[in-house]
Every structure is written in C-alpha cells, then in structure tokens.
Amino acid sequence: MKTVAMNPEALLELAAARMPFGKYEGWLLIDLPESYVVWFAGQGFPEGRLGRQLRAVHEIKVNGLEYLFDPLR
C-alpha cells in the first residue's frame, strides 16, 4: 500500500482547497464524493498542485481517514 506523507501545513491547505471546475466546482476537495475521486484516479489526476491534492484526497478517502479533517472544518 502506498502512503501519502503530509506535513501539517499541507494538511491545512488541503482542508481549505476547493474544486476549481466541473460538476463539483466550489466544493471543498475533502467533501468530494469518494466515487468522484476514485473516478479521477482511474482517468488520471490533473497535473500540478490540484493533481497532488486530489491524489492525497483519494488516499485519505479509500483508507477511511476522513476523520482527520473533522477538527479542521
């Protein structure tokens, strides 16, 4: 299993990041439906920061770690 190592600043940034386009435009990345994030994983994540953030959200969701964001909401 591949793990995503994140520093606290990156976690805070991820908690505030929003989807910039598409059906879920404006949603917090951490609130995206798991099925949508899994779909992205199958299609390929975008390049750059958004791709890295979506990849981290994917890892968090498929491993049942969403609770890590509860104190950051």
PDB file of N, CA and C in Angstrom:
ATOM      1  N   MET A   1       0.834  -1.178   0.000  1.00  0.00           N
ATOM      2  CA  MET A   1       0.000   0.000   0.000  1.00  0.00           C
ATOM      3  C   MET A   1       0.879   1.242   0.000  1.00  0.00           C
ATOM      4  N   LYS A   2       0.580   2.157  -0.872  1.00  0.00           N
ATOM      5  CA  LYS A   2       1.312   3.416  -0.946  1.00  0.00           C
ATOM      6  C   LYS A   2       0.703   4.398   0.043  1.00  0.00           C
ATOM      7  N   THR A   3       1.540   5.122   0.775  1.00  0.00           N
ATOM      8  CA  THR A   3       1.028   6.098   1.728  1.00  0.00           C
ATOM      9  C   THR A   3       1.421   7.498   1.288  1.00  0.00           C
ATOM     10  N   VAL A   4       0.633   8.450   1.735  1.00  0.00           N
ATOM     11  CA  VAL A   4       0.892   9.846   1.427  1.00  0.00           C
ATOM     12  C   VAL A   4       1.372  10.516   2.699  1.00  0.00           C
ATOM     13  N   ALA A   5       2.607  11.005   2.696  1.00  0.00           N
ATOM     14  CA  ALA A   5       3.135  11.726   3.838  1.00  0.00           C
ATOM     15  C   ALA A   5       2.820  13.209   3.650  1.00  0.00           C
ATOM     16  N   MET A   6       2.248  13.809   4.682  1.00  0.00           N
ATOM     17  CA  MET A   6       1.864  15.214   4.573  1.00  0.00           C
ATOM     18  C   MET A   6       2.350  15.960   5.801  1.00  0.00           C
ATOM     19  N   ASN A   7       2.853  17.155   5.573  1.00  0.00           N
ATOM     20  CA  ASN A   7       3.213  17.990   6.702  1.00  0.00           C
ATOM     21  C   ASN A   7       1.963  18.738   7.150  1.00  0.00           C
ATOM     22  N   PRO A   8       1.958  19.301   8.356  1.00  0.00           N
ATOM     23  CA  PRO A   8       0.759  19.976   8.870  1.00  0.00           C
ATOM     24  C   PRO A   8       0.284  21.122   7.977  1.00  0.00           C
ATOM     25  N   GLU A   9       1.211  21.872   7.391  1.00  0.00           N
ATOM     26  CA  GLU A   9       0.815  22.984   6.530  1.00  0.00           C
ATOM     27  C   GLU A   9       0.080  22.480   5.285  1.00  0.00           C
ATOM     28  N   ALA A  10       0.573  21.381   4.717  1.00  0.00           N
ATOM     29  CA  ALA A  10      -0.077  20.805   3.535  1.00  0.00           C
ATOM     30  C   ALA A  10      -1.461  20.281   3.891  1.00  0.00           C
ATOM     31  N   LEU A  11      -1.619  19.712   5.069  1.00  0.00           N
ATOM     32  CA  LEU A  11      -2.917  19.216   5.507  1.00  0.00           C
ATOM     33  C   LEU A  11      -3.913  20.367   5.669  1.00  0.00           C
ATOM     34  N   LEU A  12      -3.459  21.464   6.261  1.00  0.00           N
ATOM     35  CA  LEU A  12      -4.319  22.648   6.404  1.00  0.00           C
ATOM     36  C   LEU A  12      -4.690  23.227   5.046  1.00  0.00           C
ATOM     37  N   GLU A  13      -3.743  23.268   4.131  1.00  0.00           N
ATOM     38  CA  GLU A  13      -4.000  23.766   2.782  1.00  0.00           C
ATOM     39  C   GLU A  13      -5.006  22.863   2.066  1.00  0.00           C
ATOM     40  N   LEU A  14      -4.838  21.554   2.221  1.00  0.00           N
ATOM     41  CA  LEU A  14      -5.753  20.604   1.611  1.00  0.00           C
ATOM     42  C   LEU A  14      -7.163  20.756   2.179  1.00  0.00           C
ATOM     43  N   ALA A  15      -7.268  20.984   3.472  1.00  0.00           N
ATOM     44  CA  ALA A  15      -8.579  21.131   4.109  1.00  0.00           C
ATOM     45  C   ALA A  15      -9.341  22.341   3.572  1.00  0.00           C
ATOM     46  N   ALA A  16      -8.626  23.345   3.072  1.00  0.00           N
ATOM     47  CA  ALA A  16      -9.266  24.568   2.575  1.00  0.00           C
ATOM     48  C   ALA A  16      -9.401  24.601   1.055  1.00  0.00           C
ATOM     49  N   ALA A  17      -8.788  23.646   0.360  1.00  0.00           N
ATOM     50  CA  ALA A  17      -8.767  23.664  -1.110  1.00  0.00           C
ATOM     51  C   ALA A  17     -10.141  23.341  -1.685  1.00  0.00           C
ATOM     52  N   ARG A  18     -10.487  24.040  -2.760  1.00  0.00           N
ATOM     53  CA  ARG A  18     -11.779  23.849  -3.419  1.00  0.00           C
ATOM     54  C   ARG A  18     -11.586  23.363  -4.845  1.00  0.00           C
ATOM     55  N   MET A  19     -12.578  22.622  -5.323  1.00  0.00           N
ATOM     56  CA  MET A  19     -12.569  22.114  -6.697  1.00  0.00           C
ATOM     57  C   MET A  19     -12.799  23.289  -7.639  1.00  0.00           C
ATOM     58  N   PRO A  20     -11.878  23.524  -8.582  1.00  0.00           N
ATOM     59  CA  PRO A  20     -11.972  24.716  -9.428  1.00  0.00           C
ATOM     60  C   PRO A  20     -12.850  24.574 -10.669  1.00  0.00           C
ATOM     61  N   PHE A  21     -13.362  23.380 -10.957  1.00  0.00           N
ATOM     62  CA  PHE A  21     -14.127  23.193 -12.195  1.00  0.00           C
ATOM     63  C   PHE A  21     -15.046  21.987 -12.072  1.00  0.00           C
ATOM     64  N   GLY A  22     -15.925  21.848 -13.052  1.00  0.00           N
ATOM     65  CA  GLY A  22     -16.744  20.649 -13.183  1.00  0.00           C
ATOM     66  C   GLY A  22     -17.985  20.638 -12.325  1.00  0.00           C
ATOM     67  N   LYS A  23     -18.565  19.472 -12.240  1.00  0.00           N
ATOM     68  CA  LYS A  23     -19.826  19.256 -11.527  1.00  0.00           C
ATOM     69  C   LYS A  23     -19.742  19.701 -10.068  1.00  0.00           C
ATOM     70  N   TYR A  24     -18.595  19.549  -9.469  1.00  0.00           N
ATOM     71  CA  TYR A  24     -18.422  19.881  -8.047  1.00  0.00           C
ATOM     72  C   TYR A  24     -17.614  21.162  -7.842  1.00  0.00           C
ATOM     73  N   GLU A  25     -17.652  22.058  -8.820  1.00  0.00           N
ATOM     74  CA  GLU A  25     -16.939  23.327  -8.704  1.00  0.00           C
ATOM     75  C   GLU A  25     -17.346  24.045  -7.422  1.00  0.00           C
ATOM     76  N   GLY A  26     -16.340  24.506  -6.679  1.00  0.00           N
ATOM     77  CA  GLY A  26     -16.572  25.225  -5.438  1.00  0.00           C
ATOM     78  C   GLY A  26     -16.616  24.347  -4.201  1.00  0.00           C
ATOM     79  N   TRP A  27     -16.743  23.051  -4.362  1.00  0.00           N
ATOM     80  CA  TRP A  27     -16.757  22.146  -3.214  1.00  0.00           C
ATOM     81  C   TRP A  27     -15.356  22.047  -2.621  1.00  0.00           C
ATOM     82  N   LEU A  28     -15.293  21.861  -1.309  1.00  0.00           N
ATOM     83  CA  LEU A  28     -14.019  21.528  -0.690  1.00  0.00           C
ATOM     84  C   LEU A  28     -13.579  20.172  -1.236  1.00  0.00           C
ATOM     85  N   LEU A  29     -12.300  20.041  -1.547  1.00  0.00           N
ATOM     86  CA  LEU A  29     -11.803  18.772  -2.070  1.00  0.00           C
ATOM     87  C   LEU A  29     -12.098  17.618  -1.112  1.00  0.00           C
ATOM     88  N   ILE A  30     -11.998  17.893   0.171  1.00  0.00           N
ATOM     89  CA  ILE A  30     -12.223  16.829   1.153  1.00  0.00           C
ATOM     90  C   ILE A  30     -13.690  16.421   1.235  1.00  0.00           C
ATOM     91  N   ASP A  31     -14.590  17.226   0.669  1.00  0.00           N
ATOM     92  CA  ASP A  31     -16.011  16.888   0.674  1.00  0.00           C
ATOM     93  C   ASP A  31     -16.474  16.249  -0.635  1.00  0.00           C
ATOM     94  N   LEU A  32     -15.582  16.103  -1.593  1.00  0.00           N
ATOM     95  CA  LEU A  32     -15.962  15.465  -2.851  1.00  0.00           C
ATOM     96  C   LEU A  32     -16.400  14.031  -2.579  1.00  0.00           C
ATOM     97  N   PRO A  33     -17.410  13.549  -3.299  1.00  0.00           N
ATOM     98  CA  PRO A  33     -17.810  12.151  -3.116  1.00  0.00           C
ATOM     99  C   PRO A  33     -16.654  11.199  -3.447  1.00  0.00           C
ATOM    100  N   GLU A  34     -16.540  10.147  -2.672  1.00  0.00           N
ATOM    101  CA  GLU A  34     -15.463   9.183  -2.895  1.00  0.00           C
ATOM    102  C   GLU A  34     -15.511   8.628  -4.314  1.00  0.00           C
ATOM    103  N   SER A  35     -16.711   8.383  -4.824  1.00  0.00           N
ATOM    104  CA  SER A  35     -16.833   7.816  -6.170  1.00  0.00           C
ATOM    105  C   SER A  35     -16.225   8.747  -7.220  1.00  0.00           C
ATOM    106  N   TYR A  36     -16.353  10.052  -7.018  1.00  0.00           N
ATOM    107  CA  TYR A  36     -15.789  11.029  -7.956  1.00  0.00           C
ATOM    108  C   TYR A  36     -14.263  11.011  -7.904  1.00  0.00           C
ATOM    109  N   VAL A  37     -13.732  10.933  -6.701  1.00  0.00           N
ATOM    110  CA  VAL A  37     -12.275  10.903  -6.537  1.00  0.00           C
ATOM    111  C   VAL A  37     -11.707   9.596  -7.099  1.00  0.00           C
ATOM    112  N   VAL A  38     -12.422   8.500  -6.909  1.00  0.00           N
ATOM    113  CA  VAL A  38     -11.994   7.217  -7.471  1.00  0.00           C
ATOM    114  C   VAL A  38     -12.046   7.282  -8.997  1.00  0.00           C
ATOM    115  N   TRP A  39     -13.071   7.931  -9.539  1.00  0.00           N
ATOM    116  CA  TRP A  39     -13.159   8.109 -10.987  1.00  0.00           C
ATOM    117  C   TRP A  39     -11.937   8.868 -11.499  1.00  0.00           C
ATOM    118  N   PHE A  40     -11.572   9.947 -10.805  1.00  0.00           N
ATOM    119  CA  PHE A  40     -10.380  10.716 -11.183  1.00  0.00           C
ATOM    120  C   PHE A  40      -9.148   9.830 -11.163  1.00  0.00           C
ATOM    121  N   ALA A  41      -9.038   8.985 -10.162  1.00  0.00           N
ATOM    122  CA  ALA A  41      -7.874   8.095 -10.063  1.00  0.00           C
ATOM    123  C   ALA A  41      -7.797   7.194 -11.295  1.00  0.00           C
ATOM    124  N   GLY A  42      -8.939   6.743 -11.774  1.00  0.00           N
ATOM    125  CA  GLY A  42      -8.959   5.893 -12.957  1.00  0.00           C
ATOM    126  C   GLY A  42      -8.675   6.639 -14.243  1.00  0.00           C
ATOM    127  N   GLN A  43      -9.092   7.896 -14.321  1.00  0.00           N
ATOM    128  CA  GLN A  43      -8.907   8.711 -15.517  1.00  0.00           C
ATOM    129  C   GLN A  43      -7.519   9.358 -15.562  1.00  0.00           C
ATOM    130  N   GLY A  44      -6.956   9.544 -14.392  1.00  0.00           N
ATOM    131  CA  GLY A  44      -5.675  10.249 -14.280  1.00  0.00           C
ATOM    132  C   GLY A  44      -5.908  11.606 -13.651  1.00  0.00           C
ATOM    133  N   PHE A  45      -5.151  11.893 -12.623  1.00  0.00           N
ATOM    134  CA  PHE A  45      -5.270  13.172 -11.931  1.00  0.00           C
ATOM    135  C   PHE A  45      -4.673  14.282 -12.789  1.00  0.00           C
ATOM    136  N   PRO A  46      -5.177  15.513 -12.637  1.00  0.00           N
ATOM    137  CA  PRO A  46      -4.579  16.624 -13.375  1.00  0.00           C
ATOM    138  C   PRO A  46      -3.138  16.860 -12.922  1.00  0.00           C
ATOM    139  N   GLU A  47      -2.413  17.600 -13.713  1.00  0.00           N
ATOM    140  CA  GLU A  47      -1.036  17.958 -13.369  1.00  0.00           C
ATOM    141  C   GLU A  47      -1.033  19.005 -12.250  1.00  0.00           C
ATOM    142  N   GLY A  48       0.102  19.151 -11.606  1.00  0.00           N
ATOM    143  CA  GLY A  48       0.321  20.239 -10.660  1.00  0.00           C
ATOM    144  C   GLY A  48      -0.293  20.024  -9.291  1.00  0.00           C
ATOM    145  N   ARG A  49      -0.489  21.132  -8.607  1.00  0.00           N
ATOM    146  CA  ARG A  49      -0.945  21.113  -7.213  1.00  0.00           C
ATOM    147  C   ARG A  49      -2.302  20.445  -7.068  1.00  0.00           C
ATOM    148  N   LEU A  50      -3.246  20.771  -7.959  1.00  0.00           N
ATOM    149  CA  LEU A  50      -4.573  20.159  -7.865  1.00  0.00           C
ATOM    150  C   LEU A  50      -4.470  18.638  -7.964  1.00  0.00           C
ATOM    151  N   GLY A  51      -3.675  18.158  -8.871  1.00  0.00           N
ATOM    152  CA  GLY A  51      -3.493  16.712  -9.001  1.00  0.00           C
ATOM    153  C   GLY A  51      -2.922  16.084  -7.742  1.00  0.00           C
ATOM    154  N   ARG A  52      -1.923  16.745  -7.167  1.00  0.00           N
ATOM    155  CA  ARG A  52      -1.339  16.230  -5.914  1.00  0.00           C
ATOM    156  C   ARG A  52      -2.375  16.234  -4.800  1.00  0.00           C
ATOM    157  N   GLN A  53      -3.178  17.286  -4.727  1.00  0.00           N
ATOM    158  CA  GLN A  53      -4.198  17.370  -3.687  1.00  0.00           C
ATOM    159  C   GLN A  53      -5.278  16.302  -3.893  1.00  0.00           C
ATOM    160  N   LEU A  54      -5.721  16.115  -5.126  1.00  0.00           N
ATOM    161  CA  LEU A  54      -6.736  15.090  -5.391  1.00  0.00           C
ATOM    162  C   LEU A  54      -6.189  13.693  -5.110  1.00  0.00           C
ATOM    163  N   ARG A  55      -4.932  13.482  -5.412  1.00  0.00           N
ATOM    164  CA  ARG A  55      -4.303  12.185  -5.118  1.00  0.00           C
ATOM    165  C   ARG A  55      -4.297  11.955  -3.604  1.00  0.00           C
ATOM    166  N   ALA A  56      -3.991  12.985  -2.830  1.00  0.00           N
ATOM    167  CA  ALA A  56      -3.993  12.866  -1.365  1.00  0.00           C
ATOM    168  C   ALA A  56      -5.411  12.603  -0.856  1.00  0.00           C
ATOM    169  N   VAL A  57      -6.402  13.311  -1.409  1.00  0.00           N
ATOM    170  CA  VAL A  57      -7.798  13.092  -1.003  1.00  0.00           C
ATOM    171  C   VAL A  57      -8.202  11.653  -1.319  1.00  0.00           C
ATOM    172  N   HIS A  58      -7.792  11.154  -2.469  1.00  0.00           N
ATOM    173  CA  HIS A  58      -8.088   9.768  -2.838  1.00  0.00           C
ATOM    174  C   HIS A  58      -7.531   8.810  -1.796  1.00  0.00           C
ATOM    175  N   GLU A  59      -6.271   8.971  -1.449  1.00  0.00           N
ATOM    176  CA  GLU A  59      -5.644   8.095  -0.454  1.00  0.00           C
ATOM    177  C   GLU A  59      -6.363   8.178   0.886  1.00  0.00           C
ATOM    178  N   ILE A  60      -6.726   9.385   1.286  1.00  0.00           N
ATOM    179  CA  ILE A  60      -7.416   9.580   2.566  1.00  0.00           C
ATOM    180  C   ILE A  60      -8.776   8.891   2.547  1.00  0.00           C
ATOM    181  N   LYS A  61      -9.530   9.087   1.482  1.00  0.00           N
ATOM    182  CA  LYS A  61     -10.881   8.523   1.407  1.00  0.00           C
ATOM    183  C   LYS A  61     -10.873   6.997   1.294  1.00  0.00           C
ATOM    184  N   VAL A  62     -10.056   6.444   0.420  1.00  0.00           N
ATOM    185  CA  VAL A  62     -10.080   4.985   0.249  1.00  0.00           C
ATOM    186  C   VAL A  62      -9.524   4.250   1.472  1.00  0.00           C
ATOM    187  N   ASN A  63      -8.796   4.960   2.312  1.00  0.00           N
ATOM    188  CA  ASN A  63      -8.276   4.355   3.534  1.00  0.00           C
ATOM    189  C   ASN A  63      -9.095   4.718   4.774  1.00  0.00           C
ATOM    190  N   GLY A  64     -10.247   5.383   4.555  1.00  0.00           N
ATOM    191  CA  GLY A  64     -11.148   5.690   5.670  1.00  0.00           C
ATOM    192  C   GLY A  64     -10.599   6.682   6.673  1.00  0.00           C
ATOM    193  N   LEU A  65      -9.801   7.636   6.200  1.00  0.00           N
ATOM    194  CA  LEU A  65      -9.161   8.588   7.115  1.00  0.00           C
ATOM    195  C   LEU A  65      -9.797   9.971   7.100  1.00  0.00           C
ATOM    196  N   GLU A  66     -11.028  10.085   6.597  1.00  0.00           N
ATOM    197  CA  GLU A  66     -11.685  11.396   6.510  1.00  0.00           C
ATOM    198  C   GLU A  66     -11.779  12.084   7.872  1.00  0.00           C
ATOM    199  N   TYR A  67     -11.843  11.306   8.951  1.00  0.00           N
ATOM    200  CA  TYR A  67     -11.950  11.868  10.280  1.00  0.00           C
ATOM    201  C   TYR A  67     -10.789  12.812  10.609  1.00  0.00           C
ATOM    202  N   LEU A  68      -9.676  12.679   9.897  1.00  0.00           N
ATOM    203  CA  LEU A  68      -8.539  13.568  10.156  1.00  0.00           C
ATOM    204  C   LEU A  68      -8.900  15.026   9.892  1.00  0.00           C
ATOM    205  N   PHE A  69      -9.908  15.261   9.044  1.00  0.00           N
ATOM    206  CA  PHE A  69     -10.289  16.627   8.711  1.00  0.00           C
ATOM    207  C   PHE A  69     -11.362  17.191   9.643  1.00  0.00           C
ATOM    208  N   ASP A  70     -11.961  16.361  10.477  1.00  0.00           N
ATOM    209  CA  ASP A  70     -13.039  16.843  11.349  1.00  0.00           C
ATOM    210  C   ASP A  70     -12.624  18.062  12.188  1.00  0.00           C
ATOM    211  N   PRO A  71     -11.460  18.051  12.833  1.00  0.00           N
ATOM    212  CA  PRO A  71     -11.096  19.228  13.629  1.00  0.00           C
ATOM    213  C   PRO A  71     -10.744  20.458  12.778  1.00  0.00           C
ATOM    214  N   LEU A  72     -10.552  20.275  11.479  1.00  0.00           N
ATOM    215  CA  LEU A  72     -10.151  21.374  10.610  1.00  0.00           C
ATOM    216  C   LEU A  72     -11.338  22.032   9.905  1.00  0.00           C
ATOM    217  N   ARG A  73     -12.510  21.488  10.096  1.00  0.00           N
ATOM    218  CA  ARG A  73     -13.707  22.030   9.432  1.00  0.00           C
ATOM    219  C   ARG A  73     -14.239  23.217  10.190  1.00  0.00           C
TER     220      ARG A  73
END
